[in-house]
Amino acid sequence: MIELILYDLFSCDTLNYLKRFILYFSIFWESVIKSLAFLFLFLSLNVFSAELGLKKNGELLKIVSLSTTHSGKILGIKAKEINLYNAWRGYSRTYVGYALYNLLDNVYGESWKSARTISFKAIDGYTMVVRIKKMLKAAKGKVGLLAFKEKGKSGFTPVKKGAKLVDPAPYYLVWSNFSDGDKASHGDNLKWPYQLKEINILY
């Protein structure tokens, strides 16, 4: 009887099932490890992309973390709320952030206003460039706000990018004193970059 049971346990069918189980089990754990590795990489990239780099002629001068930004004060500048009409998106929102010009004054001094260009680089590498002289002229009577969220929210309402919705975080540059019906375009001297991760001033 014992010999018969042992034979059944170690028959070809049983061994085949055991081999299959080991194979499926190893495939399962391999997929789990890959998923965890991808999640770690994704979180690492998100943490890195939540930093705003401020550069001069391509050389890094200052890094501002999103956690510091959410504290309500960076580089001696207090966060403010501005209700404005988003001429790029066509709706009104109340944004929370820091006055762009105050931030630039703090990092670069007043000399940035006589520099050549300022560029805004997004997480995906897309970069907007404008001549500072033209930006200053177009911004008269307006406030550029480096927003990190909308009032009453921990972040932003997703915005359309082609056929999909994307999160404008970590930073979204918006401008005040536009009227309902005003429309912004790519050729304007006031840029509205979102997912902003880097500002560079070229002298």
N, C-alpha and C. Protein backbone atom coordinates (compact mmCIF):
# COMPACT_ATOMS: atom_id res chain seq x y z
N MET A 1 0.83 -1.21 0.00
CA MET A 1 0.00 0.00 0.00
C MET A 1 0.86 1.26 0.00
N ILE A 2 1.88 1.28 0.88
CA ILE A 2 2.78 2.44 0.96
C ILE A 2 3.49 2.66 -0.36
N GLU A 3 3.93 1.57 -0.94
CA GLU A 3 4.63 1.69 -2.23
C GLU A 3 3.71 2.27 -3.29
N LEU A 4 2.43 1.91 -3.24
CA LEU A 4 1.47 2.40 -4.21
C LEU A 4 1.23 3.91 -4.04
N ILE A 5 1.13 4.35 -2.78
CA ILE A 5 0.93 5.78 -2.50
C ILE A 5 2.13 6.58 -2.98
N LEU A 6 3.32 6.09 -2.67
CA LEU A 6 4.53 6.79 -3.10
C LEU A 6 4.60 6.86 -4.62
N TYR A 7 4.18 5.81 -5.25
CA TYR A 7 4.18 5.79 -6.71
C TYR A 7 3.24 6.87 -7.26
N ASP A 8 2.04 6.97 -6.61
CA ASP A 8 1.07 7.98 -7.05
C ASP A 8 1.61 9.40 -6.85
N LEU A 9 2.25 9.62 -5.70
CA LEU A 9 2.77 10.95 -5.40
C LEU A 9 3.84 11.40 -6.38
N PHE A 10 4.65 10.45 -6.76
CA PHE A 10 5.77 10.80 -7.63
C PHE A 10 5.59 10.29 -9.06
N SER A 11 4.34 10.12 -9.43
CA SER A 11 4.04 9.73 -10.80
C SER A 11 4.37 10.87 -11.74
N CYS A 12 4.37 10.61 -13.01
CA CYS A 12 4.71 11.63 -14.02
C CYS A 12 3.76 12.82 -13.95
N ASP A 13 2.47 12.55 -13.77
CA ASP A 13 1.50 13.64 -13.72
C ASP A 13 1.77 14.56 -12.54
N THR A 14 2.05 13.95 -11.40
CA THR A 14 2.31 14.76 -10.20
C THR A 14 3.55 15.61 -10.38
N LEU A 15 4.59 15.05 -10.94
CA LEU A 15 5.83 15.80 -11.18
C LEU A 15 5.60 16.93 -12.17
N ASN A 16 4.79 16.66 -13.18
CA ASN A 16 4.49 17.71 -14.16
C ASN A 16 3.73 18.87 -13.52
N TYR A 17 2.76 18.52 -12.66
CA TYR A 17 2.02 19.57 -11.95
C TYR A 17 2.95 20.39 -11.06
N LEU A 18 3.87 19.68 -10.40
CA LEU A 18 4.81 20.36 -9.51
C LEU A 18 5.72 21.30 -10.29
N LYS A 19 6.18 20.83 -11.44
CA LYS A 19 7.03 21.67 -12.29
C LYS A 19 6.28 22.91 -12.76
N ARG A 20 5.02 22.71 -13.15
CA ARG A 20 4.20 23.83 -13.61
C ARG A 20 3.98 24.85 -12.49
N PHE A 21 3.71 24.29 -11.28
CA PHE A 21 3.49 25.17 -10.13
C PHE A 21 4.73 26.02 -9.87
N ILE A 22 5.90 25.40 -9.88
CA ILE A 22 7.15 26.13 -9.65
C ILE A 22 7.37 27.18 -10.73
N LEU A 23 7.07 26.82 -11.98
CA LEU A 23 7.25 27.74 -13.10
C LEU A 23 6.33 28.96 -12.94
N TYR A 24 5.03 28.70 -12.68
CA TYR A 24 4.07 29.80 -12.52
C TYR A 24 4.41 30.67 -11.32
N PHE A 25 4.86 29.99 -10.24
CA PHE A 25 5.22 30.73 -9.03
C PHE A 25 6.40 31.66 -9.29
N SER A 26 7.39 31.18 -10.03
CA SER A 26 8.56 32.01 -10.34
C SER A 26 8.19 33.17 -11.26
N ILE A 27 7.29 32.90 -12.23
CA ILE A 27 6.83 33.96 -13.14
C ILE A 27 6.07 35.03 -12.35
N PHE A 28 5.24 34.58 -11.41
CA PHE A 28 4.47 35.51 -10.59
C PHE A 28 5.39 36.42 -9.79
N TRP A 29 6.38 35.84 -9.13
CA TRP A 29 7.27 36.66 -8.30
C TRP A 29 8.16 37.56 -9.15
N GLU A 30 8.49 37.11 -10.34
CA GLU A 30 9.28 37.96 -11.24
C GLU A 30 8.48 39.20 -11.63
N SER A 31 7.18 39.00 -11.91
CA SER A 31 6.33 40.14 -12.27
C SER A 31 6.14 41.08 -11.08
N VAL A 32 6.04 40.51 -9.87
CA VAL A 32 5.91 41.33 -8.66
C VAL A 32 7.15 42.19 -8.45
N ILE A 33 8.32 41.59 -8.61
CA ILE A 33 9.58 42.32 -8.43
C ILE A 33 9.71 43.43 -9.46
N LYS A 34 9.34 43.14 -10.71
CA LYS A 34 9.40 44.16 -11.77
C LYS A 34 8.45 45.31 -11.47
N SER A 35 7.24 44.98 -10.98
CA SER A 35 6.26 46.01 -10.66
C SER A 35 6.75 46.90 -9.52
N LEU A 36 7.36 46.29 -8.51
CA LEU A 36 7.89 47.06 -7.39
C LEU A 36 9.04 47.96 -7.83
N ALA A 37 9.88 47.43 -8.73
CA ALA A 37 11.00 48.23 -9.24
C ALA A 37 10.48 49.42 -10.04
N PHE A 38 9.45 49.19 -10.86
CA PHE A 38 8.86 50.28 -11.64
C PHE A 38 8.23 51.32 -10.73
N LEU A 39 7.54 50.86 -9.67
CA LEU A 39 6.90 51.78 -8.73
C LEU A 39 7.95 52.63 -8.03
N PHE A 40 9.05 52.01 -7.63
CA PHE A 40 10.13 52.75 -6.96
C PHE A 40 10.71 53.80 -7.89
N LEU A 41 10.92 53.43 -9.16
CA LEU A 41 11.46 54.38 -10.14
C LEU A 41 10.48 55.52 -10.37
N PHE A 42 9.19 55.18 -10.46
CA PHE A 42 8.16 56.20 -10.69
C PHE A 42 8.12 57.20 -9.54
N LEU A 43 8.15 56.68 -8.31
CA LEU A 43 8.12 57.56 -7.14
C LEU A 43 9.38 58.40 -7.06
N SER A 44 10.51 57.82 -7.42
CA SER A 44 11.77 58.56 -7.39
C SER A 44 11.73 59.71 -8.39
N LEU A 45 11.22 59.44 -9.59
CA LEU A 45 11.13 60.48 -10.61
C LEU A 45 10.17 61.58 -10.18
N ASN A 46 9.07 61.19 -9.52
CA ASN A 46 8.12 62.19 -9.06
C ASN A 46 8.72 63.10 -8.00
N VAL A 47 9.49 62.49 -7.09
CA VAL A 47 10.14 63.29 -6.05
C VAL A 47 11.12 64.26 -6.68
N PHE A 48 11.90 63.75 -7.67
CA PHE A 48 12.88 64.61 -8.32
C PHE A 48 12.20 65.71 -9.11
N SER A 49 11.12 65.35 -9.83
CA SER A 49 10.47 66.33 -10.69
C SER A 49 9.72 67.38 -9.89
N ALA A 50 9.49 67.13 -8.58
CA ALA A 50 8.79 68.10 -7.74
C ALA A 50 9.71 69.23 -7.32
N GLU A 51 10.96 69.20 -7.73
CA GLU A 51 11.88 70.28 -7.43
C GLU A 51 11.91 71.28 -8.57
N LEU A 52 12.02 72.55 -8.22
CA LEU A 52 12.14 73.61 -9.22
C LEU A 52 13.58 74.10 -9.22
N GLY A 53 14.23 73.97 -10.37
CA GLY A 53 15.60 74.44 -10.50
C GLY A 53 15.65 75.83 -11.11
N LEU A 54 16.41 76.72 -10.51
CA LEU A 54 16.58 78.08 -11.01
C LEU A 54 18.02 78.24 -11.49
N LYS A 55 18.18 78.50 -12.79
CA LYS A 55 19.50 78.53 -13.41
C LYS A 55 19.84 79.89 -14.00
N LYS A 56 21.13 80.13 -14.10
CA LYS A 56 21.65 81.33 -14.75
C LYS A 56 22.65 80.87 -15.80
N ASN A 57 22.35 81.15 -17.06
CA ASN A 57 23.20 80.69 -18.18
C ASN A 57 23.44 79.19 -18.11
N GLY A 58 22.41 78.45 -17.69
CA GLY A 58 22.50 77.00 -17.62
C GLY A 58 23.12 76.45 -16.36
N GLU A 59 23.62 77.31 -15.50
CA GLU A 59 24.25 76.88 -14.25
C GLU A 59 23.26 76.99 -13.10
N LEU A 60 23.10 75.90 -12.36
CA LEU A 60 22.12 75.85 -11.28
C LEU A 60 22.52 76.77 -10.13
N LEU A 61 21.58 77.64 -9.76
CA LEU A 61 21.81 78.56 -8.64
C LEU A 61 21.04 78.16 -7.39
N LYS A 62 19.82 77.68 -7.59
CA LYS A 62 18.95 77.39 -6.46
C LYS A 62 17.97 76.28 -6.81
N ILE A 63 17.66 75.45 -5.81
CA ILE A 63 16.64 74.41 -5.96
C ILE A 63 15.56 74.65 -4.91
N VAL A 64 14.33 74.64 -5.34
CA VAL A 64 13.20 74.81 -4.42
C VAL A 64 12.38 73.52 -4.44
N SER A 65 12.20 72.90 -3.29
CA SER A 65 11.43 71.66 -3.21
C SER A 65 9.95 71.96 -3.06
N LEU A 66 9.13 71.03 -3.50
CA LEU A 66 7.68 71.22 -3.41
C LEU A 66 7.22 71.24 -1.96
N SER A 67 7.88 70.46 -1.10
CA SER A 67 7.51 70.46 0.32
C SER A 67 7.75 71.83 0.94
N THR A 68 8.86 72.47 0.56
CA THR A 68 9.13 73.82 1.04
C THR A 68 8.10 74.80 0.49
N THR A 69 7.77 74.61 -0.78
CA THR A 69 6.78 75.48 -1.43
C THR A 69 5.45 75.45 -0.69
N HIS A 70 5.02 74.26 -0.29
CA HIS A 70 3.73 74.10 0.39
C HIS A 70 3.74 74.65 1.81
N SER A 71 4.91 74.99 2.32
CA SER A 71 4.98 75.56 3.67
C SER A 71 4.41 76.97 3.72
N GLY A 72 4.27 77.59 2.54
CA GLY A 72 3.70 78.94 2.48
C GLY A 72 4.72 80.05 2.44
N LYS A 73 6.01 79.67 2.43
CA LYS A 73 7.06 80.70 2.37
C LYS A 73 8.33 80.10 1.78
N ILE A 74 8.86 80.73 0.72
CA ILE A 74 10.13 80.30 0.14
C ILE A 74 11.02 81.51 -0.10
N LEU A 75 12.27 81.36 0.25
CA LEU A 75 13.26 82.42 0.01
C LEU A 75 12.79 83.78 0.53
N GLY A 76 12.09 83.74 1.66
CA GLY A 76 11.61 84.97 2.27
C GLY A 76 10.35 85.54 1.65
N ILE A 77 9.76 84.82 0.69
CA ILE A 77 8.56 85.29 0.00
C ILE A 77 7.35 84.49 0.48
N LYS A 78 6.28 85.18 0.84
CA LYS A 78 5.07 84.52 1.30
C LYS A 78 4.16 84.17 0.13
N ALA A 79 3.51 83.04 0.25
CA ALA A 79 2.55 82.62 -0.78
C ALA A 79 1.33 83.53 -0.75
N LYS A 80 0.70 83.69 -1.91
CA LYS A 80 -0.51 84.52 -2.00
C LYS A 80 -1.55 83.80 -2.85
N GLU A 81 -2.79 84.23 -2.67
CA GLU A 81 -3.90 83.71 -3.46
C GLU A 81 -4.33 84.76 -4.47
N ILE A 82 -4.52 84.35 -5.71
CA ILE A 82 -5.00 85.28 -6.74
C ILE A 82 -6.11 84.60 -7.54
N ASN A 83 -7.26 85.26 -7.57
CA ASN A 83 -8.34 84.79 -8.44
C ASN A 83 -8.15 85.43 -9.81
N LEU A 84 -8.04 84.61 -10.83
CA LEU A 84 -7.75 85.16 -12.16
C LEU A 84 -8.45 84.36 -13.25
N TYR A 85 -8.54 85.00 -14.40
CA TYR A 85 -9.09 84.34 -15.58
C TYR A 85 -7.93 83.73 -16.36
N ASN A 86 -7.96 82.42 -16.49
CA ASN A 86 -6.91 81.72 -17.21
C ASN A 86 -7.18 81.86 -18.71
N ALA A 87 -6.47 82.79 -19.33
CA ALA A 87 -6.70 83.09 -20.75
C ALA A 87 -6.29 81.94 -21.66
N TRP A 88 -5.48 81.04 -21.16
CA TRP A 88 -5.07 79.89 -21.96
C TRP A 88 -6.14 78.81 -21.94
N ARG A 89 -6.75 78.62 -20.77
CA ARG A 89 -7.74 77.55 -20.60
C ARG A 89 -9.18 78.02 -20.75
N GLY A 90 -9.41 79.33 -20.55
CA GLY A 90 -10.76 79.86 -20.71
C GLY A 90 -11.66 79.67 -19.52
N TYR A 91 -11.10 79.73 -18.31
CA TYR A 91 -11.93 79.66 -17.10
C TYR A 91 -11.25 80.42 -15.97
N SER A 92 -12.02 80.72 -14.92
CA SER A 92 -11.49 81.42 -13.76
C SER A 92 -11.16 80.43 -12.65
N ARG A 93 -10.06 80.68 -11.96
CA ARG A 93 -9.62 79.84 -10.85
C ARG A 93 -8.94 80.74 -9.82
N THR A 94 -8.91 80.27 -8.58
CA THR A 94 -8.11 80.94 -7.55
C THR A 94 -6.88 80.07 -7.31
N TYR A 95 -5.73 80.61 -7.65
CA TYR A 95 -4.47 79.87 -7.52
C TYR A 95 -3.69 80.34 -6.30
N VAL A 96 -2.91 79.43 -5.75
CA VAL A 96 -2.03 79.74 -4.61
C VAL A 96 -0.59 79.56 -5.07
N GLY A 97 0.22 80.58 -4.85
CA GLY A 97 1.61 80.48 -5.30
C GLY A 97 2.42 81.70 -4.91
N TYR A 98 3.50 81.91 -5.64
CA TYR A 98 4.45 82.97 -5.34
C TYR A 98 4.61 83.89 -6.55
N ALA A 99 4.72 85.19 -6.26
CA ALA A 99 4.89 86.17 -7.34
C ALA A 99 6.20 85.88 -8.08
N LEU A 100 6.10 85.66 -9.37
CA LEU A 100 7.27 85.28 -10.17
C LEU A 100 8.39 86.32 -10.07
N TYR A 101 8.05 87.58 -10.23
CA TYR A 101 9.08 88.62 -10.24
C TYR A 101 9.78 88.73 -8.90
N ASN A 102 9.05 88.56 -7.80
CA ASN A 102 9.67 88.58 -6.47
C ASN A 102 10.66 87.44 -6.32
N LEU A 103 10.28 86.28 -6.83
CA LEU A 103 11.16 85.11 -6.76
C LEU A 103 12.43 85.34 -7.58
N LEU A 104 12.27 85.89 -8.78
CA LEU A 104 13.43 86.15 -9.63
C LEU A 104 14.33 87.22 -9.02
N ASP A 105 13.74 88.24 -8.43
CA ASP A 105 14.53 89.28 -7.76
C ASP A 105 15.37 88.68 -6.64
N ASN A 106 14.77 87.76 -5.90
CA ASN A 106 15.44 87.15 -4.76
C ASN A 106 16.63 86.30 -5.19
N VAL A 107 16.46 85.57 -6.29
CA VAL A 107 17.51 84.64 -6.74
C VAL A 107 18.56 85.32 -7.59
N TYR A 108 18.14 86.18 -8.52
CA TYR A 108 19.06 86.77 -9.49
C TYR A 108 19.42 88.23 -9.20
N GLY A 109 18.65 88.87 -8.31
CA GLY A 109 18.82 90.30 -8.14
C GLY A 109 18.10 91.03 -9.27
N GLU A 110 18.09 92.33 -9.22
CA GLU A 110 17.39 93.13 -10.23
C GLU A 110 17.99 92.97 -11.63
N SER A 111 19.20 92.44 -11.71
CA SER A 111 19.89 92.34 -13.01
C SER A 111 19.17 91.45 -14.01
N TRP A 112 18.32 90.53 -13.53
CA TRP A 112 17.64 89.63 -14.46
C TRP A 112 16.78 90.39 -15.46
N LYS A 113 16.29 91.56 -15.06
CA LYS A 113 15.40 92.33 -15.93
C LYS A 113 16.11 92.87 -17.17
N SER A 114 17.42 92.93 -17.12
CA SER A 114 18.18 93.39 -18.29
C SER A 114 18.84 92.23 -19.03
N ALA A 115 18.54 91.00 -18.61
CA ALA A 115 19.07 89.82 -19.30
C ALA A 115 18.34 89.62 -20.63
N ARG A 116 18.84 88.67 -21.43
CA ARG A 116 18.27 88.46 -22.78
C ARG A 116 16.96 87.68 -22.78
N THR A 117 17.04 86.44 -22.30
CA THR A 117 15.85 85.58 -22.38
C THR A 117 15.62 84.84 -21.07
N ILE A 118 14.38 84.39 -20.92
CA ILE A 118 14.03 83.50 -19.81
C ILE A 118 13.34 82.28 -20.42
N SER A 119 13.70 81.11 -19.95
CA SER A 119 13.10 79.88 -20.48
C SER A 119 12.44 79.10 -19.35
N PHE A 120 11.35 78.43 -19.71
CA PHE A 120 10.58 77.63 -18.76
C PHE A 120 10.55 76.19 -19.29
N LYS A 121 11.12 75.28 -18.53
CA LYS A 121 11.23 73.89 -18.98
C LYS A 121 10.31 72.98 -18.16
N ALA A 122 9.52 72.17 -18.86
CA ALA A 122 8.58 71.26 -18.21
C ALA A 122 9.23 69.91 -17.93
N ILE A 123 8.52 69.08 -17.18
CA ILE A 123 9.02 67.76 -16.81
C ILE A 123 9.36 66.92 -18.04
N ASP A 124 8.55 67.03 -19.10
CA ASP A 124 8.78 66.23 -20.30
C ASP A 124 9.84 66.82 -21.22
N GLY A 125 10.46 67.93 -20.80
CA GLY A 125 11.52 68.55 -21.59
C GLY A 125 11.06 69.69 -22.48
N TYR A 126 9.74 69.85 -22.63
CA TYR A 126 9.23 70.94 -23.47
C TYR A 126 9.63 72.28 -22.86
N THR A 127 10.18 73.17 -23.68
CA THR A 127 10.70 74.44 -23.19
C THR A 127 10.10 75.63 -23.92
N MET A 128 9.66 76.61 -23.15
CA MET A 128 9.16 77.88 -23.70
C MET A 128 10.21 78.95 -23.44
N VAL A 129 10.50 79.74 -24.47
CA VAL A 129 11.52 80.79 -24.34
C VAL A 129 10.92 82.12 -24.78
N VAL A 130 11.24 83.18 -24.04
CA VAL A 130 10.75 84.51 -24.40
C VAL A 130 11.81 85.54 -24.05
N ARG A 131 11.87 86.60 -24.83
CA ARG A 131 12.78 87.71 -24.52
C ARG A 131 12.24 88.46 -23.30
N ILE A 132 13.10 88.68 -22.33
CA ILE A 132 12.68 89.29 -21.08
C ILE A 132 12.10 90.69 -21.29
N LYS A 133 12.71 91.46 -22.18
CA LYS A 133 12.22 92.81 -22.45
C LYS A 133 10.77 92.77 -22.91
N LYS A 134 10.44 91.81 -23.78
CA LYS A 134 9.08 91.69 -24.29
C LYS A 134 8.12 91.18 -23.21
N MET A 135 8.61 90.27 -22.37
CA MET A 135 7.77 89.75 -21.29
C MET A 135 7.42 90.86 -20.30
N LEU A 136 8.41 91.67 -19.94
CA LEU A 136 8.17 92.77 -19.00
C LEU A 136 7.14 93.75 -19.55
N LYS A 137 7.24 94.03 -20.82
CA LYS A 137 6.30 94.96 -21.45
C LYS A 137 4.89 94.39 -21.46
N ALA A 138 4.77 93.11 -21.81
CA ALA A 138 3.46 92.47 -21.89
C ALA A 138 2.83 92.28 -20.51
N ALA A 139 3.67 92.23 -19.47
CA ALA A 139 3.18 91.95 -18.12
C ALA A 139 2.79 93.19 -17.33
N LYS A 140 2.89 94.36 -17.93
CA LYS A 140 2.54 95.59 -17.20
C LYS A 140 1.08 95.53 -16.73
N GLY A 141 0.89 95.77 -15.44
CA GLY A 141 -0.45 95.72 -14.87
C GLY A 141 -0.90 94.31 -14.52
N LYS A 142 -0.02 93.33 -14.68
CA LYS A 142 -0.37 91.93 -14.40
C LYS A 142 0.61 91.35 -13.38
N VAL A 143 0.23 90.25 -12.79
CA VAL A 143 1.10 89.54 -11.85
C VAL A 143 1.29 88.12 -12.34
N GLY A 144 2.55 87.72 -12.51
CA GLY A 144 2.85 86.34 -12.83
C GLY A 144 2.93 85.55 -11.53
N LEU A 145 2.14 84.50 -11.42
CA LEU A 145 2.10 83.70 -10.19
C LEU A 145 2.61 82.30 -10.46
N LEU A 146 3.65 81.92 -9.72
CA LEU A 146 4.16 80.56 -9.81
C LEU A 146 3.32 79.71 -8.85
N ALA A 147 2.25 79.15 -9.38
CA ALA A 147 1.27 78.45 -8.55
C ALA A 147 1.68 77.01 -8.28
N PHE A 148 1.37 76.55 -7.06
CA PHE A 148 1.62 75.15 -6.72
C PHE A 148 0.34 74.40 -6.39
N LYS A 149 -0.79 75.11 -6.39
CA LYS A 149 -2.09 74.46 -6.20
C LYS A 149 -3.21 75.46 -6.45
N GLU A 150 -4.44 74.95 -6.47
CA GLU A 150 -5.62 75.79 -6.50
C GLU A 150 -6.19 75.90 -5.08
N LYS A 151 -6.81 77.01 -4.79
CA LYS A 151 -7.37 77.22 -3.46
C LYS A 151 -8.39 76.13 -3.12
N GLY A 152 -8.28 75.59 -1.91
CA GLY A 152 -9.20 74.56 -1.46
C GLY A 152 -8.85 73.17 -1.92
N LYS A 153 -7.71 73.03 -2.63
CA LYS A 153 -7.28 71.72 -3.12
C LYS A 153 -5.82 71.48 -2.73
N SER A 154 -5.43 70.23 -2.80
CA SER A 154 -4.03 69.91 -2.53
C SER A 154 -3.17 70.05 -3.78
N GLY A 155 -3.83 70.21 -4.92
CA GLY A 155 -3.12 70.34 -6.19
C GLY A 155 -3.95 71.13 -7.20
N PHE A 156 -3.94 70.65 -8.45
CA PHE A 156 -4.63 71.35 -9.53
C PHE A 156 -5.73 70.49 -10.15
N THR A 157 -6.67 71.17 -10.79
CA THR A 157 -7.62 70.49 -11.66
C THR A 157 -6.86 70.05 -12.91
N PRO A 158 -7.00 68.79 -13.35
CA PRO A 158 -6.30 68.35 -14.56
C PRO A 158 -6.64 69.23 -15.77
N VAL A 159 -5.69 69.39 -16.67
CA VAL A 159 -5.90 70.20 -17.87
C VAL A 159 -5.76 69.32 -19.11
N LYS A 160 -6.34 69.77 -20.20
CA LYS A 160 -6.27 69.00 -21.44
C LYS A 160 -4.93 69.17 -22.13
N LYS A 161 -4.38 68.06 -22.58
CA LYS A 161 -3.17 68.06 -23.39
C LYS A 161 -3.42 67.10 -24.54
N GLY A 162 -3.81 67.66 -25.68
CA GLY A 162 -4.22 66.80 -26.78
C GLY A 162 -5.53 66.12 -26.44
N ALA A 163 -5.53 64.79 -26.50
CA ALA A 163 -6.75 64.04 -26.22
C ALA A 163 -6.81 63.53 -24.79
N LYS A 164 -5.85 63.88 -23.96
CA LYS A 164 -5.84 63.36 -22.59
C LYS A 164 -5.78 64.49 -21.56
N LEU A 165 -6.03 64.12 -20.32
CA LEU A 165 -5.94 65.05 -19.21
C LEU A 165 -4.64 64.83 -18.45
N VAL A 166 -3.97 65.91 -18.07
CA VAL A 166 -2.72 65.80 -17.32
C VAL A 166 -2.77 66.72 -16.10
N ASP A 167 -1.96 66.38 -15.13
CA ASP A 167 -1.85 67.18 -13.91
C ASP A 167 -0.83 68.29 -14.14
N PRO A 168 -1.18 69.57 -13.94
CA PRO A 168 -0.23 70.66 -14.15
C PRO A 168 0.92 70.70 -13.14
N ALA A 169 0.81 69.93 -12.06
CA ALA A 169 1.83 69.94 -11.01
C ALA A 169 3.20 69.52 -11.56
N PRO A 170 4.28 69.91 -10.93
CA PRO A 170 4.32 70.55 -9.61
C PRO A 170 4.09 72.06 -9.60
N TYR A 171 4.41 72.74 -10.71
CA TYR A 171 4.26 74.20 -10.75
C TYR A 171 3.59 74.63 -12.05
N TYR A 172 2.80 75.69 -11.94
CA TYR A 172 2.04 76.20 -13.08
C TYR A 172 2.15 77.72 -13.05
N LEU A 173 2.72 78.30 -14.09
CA LEU A 173 2.85 79.76 -14.16
C LEU A 173 1.59 80.34 -14.80
N VAL A 174 0.89 81.18 -14.03
CA VAL A 174 -0.34 81.81 -14.52
C VAL A 174 -0.22 83.33 -14.35
N TRP A 175 -1.07 84.07 -15.07
CA TRP A 175 -0.99 85.53 -15.07
C TRP A 175 -2.35 86.15 -14.73
N SER A 176 -2.32 87.21 -13.94
CA SER A 176 -3.55 87.88 -13.51
C SER A 176 -3.97 88.95 -14.51
N ASN A 177 -5.15 89.51 -14.24
CA ASN A 177 -5.68 90.67 -14.97
C ASN A 177 -5.92 90.43 -16.46
N PHE A 178 -6.39 89.23 -16.76
CA PHE A 178 -6.94 88.97 -18.09
C PHE A 178 -8.45 88.98 -17.95
N SER A 179 -9.14 89.40 -18.98
CA SER A 179 -10.60 89.48 -18.94
C SER A 179 -11.22 88.25 -19.58
N ASP A 180 -12.46 87.97 -19.18
CA ASP A 180 -13.19 86.87 -19.80
C ASP A 180 -13.23 87.08 -21.31
N GLY A 181 -12.90 86.05 -22.03
CA GLY A 181 -12.89 86.15 -23.49
C GLY A 181 -11.51 86.36 -24.06
N ASP A 182 -10.55 86.85 -23.24
CA ASP A 182 -9.17 86.96 -23.71
C ASP A 182 -8.62 85.58 -24.01
N LYS A 183 -7.80 85.48 -25.03
CA LYS A 183 -7.23 84.19 -25.41
C LYS A 183 -5.71 84.29 -25.53
N ALA A 184 -5.04 83.37 -24.86
CA ALA A 184 -3.58 83.31 -24.96
C ALA A 184 -3.20 82.36 -26.09
N SER A 185 -2.00 82.57 -26.66
CA SER A 185 -1.52 81.71 -27.73
C SER A 185 -0.03 81.46 -27.57
N HIS A 186 0.50 80.51 -28.34
CA HIS A 186 1.91 80.14 -28.23
C HIS A 186 2.83 81.32 -28.56
N GLY A 187 2.37 82.22 -29.40
CA GLY A 187 3.22 83.33 -29.81
C GLY A 187 3.25 84.50 -28.85
N ASP A 188 2.44 84.43 -27.79
CA ASP A 188 2.39 85.53 -26.82
C ASP A 188 3.69 85.64 -26.03
N ASN A 189 3.94 86.83 -25.51
CA ASN A 189 5.15 87.06 -24.72
C ASN A 189 4.96 86.72 -23.24
N LEU A 190 3.74 86.38 -22.87
CA LEU A 190 3.49 85.85 -21.53
C LEU A 190 3.20 84.36 -21.68
N LYS A 191 4.05 83.55 -21.09
CA LYS A 191 3.93 82.10 -21.23
C LYS A 191 3.15 81.52 -20.04
N TRP A 192 2.47 80.41 -20.31
CA TRP A 192 1.68 79.73 -19.29
C TRP A 192 2.17 78.28 -19.12
N PRO A 193 3.41 78.06 -18.79
CA PRO A 193 3.92 76.68 -18.68
C PRO A 193 3.37 75.95 -17.46
N TYR A 194 3.03 74.68 -17.64
CA TYR A 194 2.63 73.84 -16.51
C TYR A 194 3.60 72.66 -16.43
N GLN A 195 3.50 71.89 -15.36
CA GLN A 195 4.47 70.83 -15.05
C GLN A 195 5.89 71.42 -15.10
N LEU A 196 6.01 72.62 -14.60
CA LEU A 196 7.26 73.36 -14.67
C LEU A 196 8.29 72.79 -13.70
N LYS A 197 9.52 72.59 -14.19
CA LYS A 197 10.56 72.07 -13.31
C LYS A 197 11.84 72.91 -13.35
N GLU A 198 11.93 73.85 -14.31
CA GLU A 198 13.19 74.60 -14.42
C GLU A 198 12.97 75.97 -15.05
N ILE A 199 13.62 76.97 -14.47
CA ILE A 199 13.66 78.32 -15.04
C ILE A 199 15.12 78.67 -15.28
N ASN A 200 15.42 79.15 -16.48
CA ASN A 200 16.80 79.51 -16.81
C ASN A 200 16.81 80.91 -17.42
N ILE A 201 17.68 81.76 -16.89
CA ILE A 201 17.83 83.11 -17.43
C ILE A 201 19.17 83.21 -18.15
N LEU A 202 19.10 83.63 -19.40
CA LEU A 202 20.29 83.75 -20.23
C LEU A 202 20.68 85.21 -20.36
N TYR A 203 21.89 85.53 -19.94
CA TYR A 203 22.37 86.92 -19.97
C TYR A 203 23.10 87.22 -21.28
